[in-house]
């Protein structure tokens, strides 16, 4: 399984871009636990592992899967590997 950092790299987006402005396919159910943990940019998100994200209150496996799917969708749109 591709790590979050690699998925973000595949999107070819600036690491300083805000998650809420870029990952528009995510519901607030996914964005809120990230924001509560002060994970607001793609660069900050790239510092996290699946395990550290799963440890966040309110972010379970289904929401992590939704986050990964959104990153994969953007990477695919940008022409990166799937």
Protein backbone atom coordinates (compact mmCIF):
# COMPACT_ATOMS: atom_id res chain seq x y z
CA UNK A 1 0.00 0.00 0.00
CA UNK A 2 1.30 3.43 -0.94
CA UNK A 3 2.01 5.72 2.00
CA UNK A 4 0.29 9.06 2.51
CA UNK A 5 3.55 10.91 1.79
CA UNK A 6 3.92 9.12 -1.56
CA UNK A 7 0.29 9.76 -2.49
CA UNK A 8 0.74 13.46 -1.78
CA UNK A 9 3.92 13.52 -3.88
CA UNK A 10 2.00 11.90 -6.74
CA UNK A 11 -0.54 14.76 -6.69
CA UNK A 12 2.29 17.15 -7.63
CA UNK A 13 0.65 19.84 -5.51
CA UNK A 14 2.45 22.45 -3.43
CA UNK A 15 2.90 21.15 0.14
CA UNK A 16 1.79 24.53 1.51
CA UNK A 17 -1.65 24.26 -0.07
CA UNK A 18 -4.54 23.94 2.36
CA UNK A 19 -6.30 20.58 2.63
CA UNK A 20 -9.75 22.18 2.66
CA UNK A 21 -9.00 24.04 -0.58
CA UNK A 22 -7.50 21.08 -2.40
CA UNK A 23 -9.16 17.88 -1.20
CA UNK A 24 -12.63 19.13 -2.03
CA UNK A 25 -14.06 15.62 -2.30
CA UNK A 26 -13.64 15.06 1.44
CA UNK A 27 -16.52 15.55 3.83
CA UNK A 28 -16.16 17.53 7.04
CA UNK A 29 -16.12 14.16 8.83
CA UNK A 30 -12.63 13.65 7.42
CA UNK A 31 -11.43 17.27 7.42
CA UNK A 32 -12.44 18.10 11.01
CA UNK A 33 -10.25 15.52 12.82
CA UNK A 34 -7.32 16.69 10.69
CA UNK A 35 -8.00 20.36 11.45
CA UNK A 36 -8.45 19.60 15.16
CA UNK A 37 -4.95 18.07 15.09
CA UNK A 38 -3.63 21.17 13.27
CA UNK A 39 -3.05 19.17 10.09
CA UNK A 40 -4.18 21.82 7.63
CA UNK A 41 -1.71 21.62 4.73
CA UNK A 42 -0.63 18.81 2.44
CA UNK A 43 2.93 19.19 3.73
CA UNK A 44 1.79 18.69 7.31
CA UNK A 45 -0.34 15.72 6.24
CA UNK A 46 2.70 14.21 4.50
CA UNK A 47 4.49 14.08 7.86
CA UNK A 48 1.90 11.62 9.18
CA UNK A 49 1.70 7.85 8.90
CA UNK A 50 -1.46 5.79 8.59
CA UNK A 51 -1.02 4.74 12.23
CA UNK A 52 -0.66 8.31 13.48
CA UNK A 53 -3.73 9.38 11.50
CA UNK A 54 -5.75 6.46 12.83
CA UNK A 55 -4.81 7.56 16.34
CA UNK A 56 -6.59 10.89 15.83
CA UNK A 57 -9.96 11.12 17.56
CA UNK A 58 -12.71 10.85 14.96
CA UNK A 59 -10.54 9.49 12.16
CA UNK A 60 -11.11 5.76 11.72
CA UNK A 61 -10.24 3.37 8.94
CA UNK A 62 -13.17 4.35 6.67
CA UNK A 63 -12.28 8.02 6.89
CA UNK A 64 -8.61 7.26 6.26
CA UNK A 65 -9.68 5.22 3.23
CA UNK A 66 -11.70 8.22 2.00
CA UNK A 67 -8.65 10.46 2.44
CA UNK A 68 -6.45 8.03 0.52
CA UNK A 69 -9.07 7.72 -2.25
CA UNK A 70 -9.23 11.49 -2.65
CA UNK A 71 -5.43 11.73 -2.87
CA UNK A 72 -5.39 8.90 -5.44
CA UNK A 73 -8.11 10.67 -7.47
CA UNK A 74 -6.12 13.89 -7.58
CA UNK A 75 -2.90 12.05 -8.42
CA UNK A 76 -4.66 10.30 -11.28
CA UNK A 77 -6.03 13.62 -12.58
CA UNK A 78 -2.52 15.07 -12.48
CA UNK A 79 -1.19 12.13 -14.49
CA UNK A 80 0.74 10.47 -11.69
CA UNK A 81 0.96 6.74 -10.95
CA UNK A 82 -2.08 5.04 -9.51
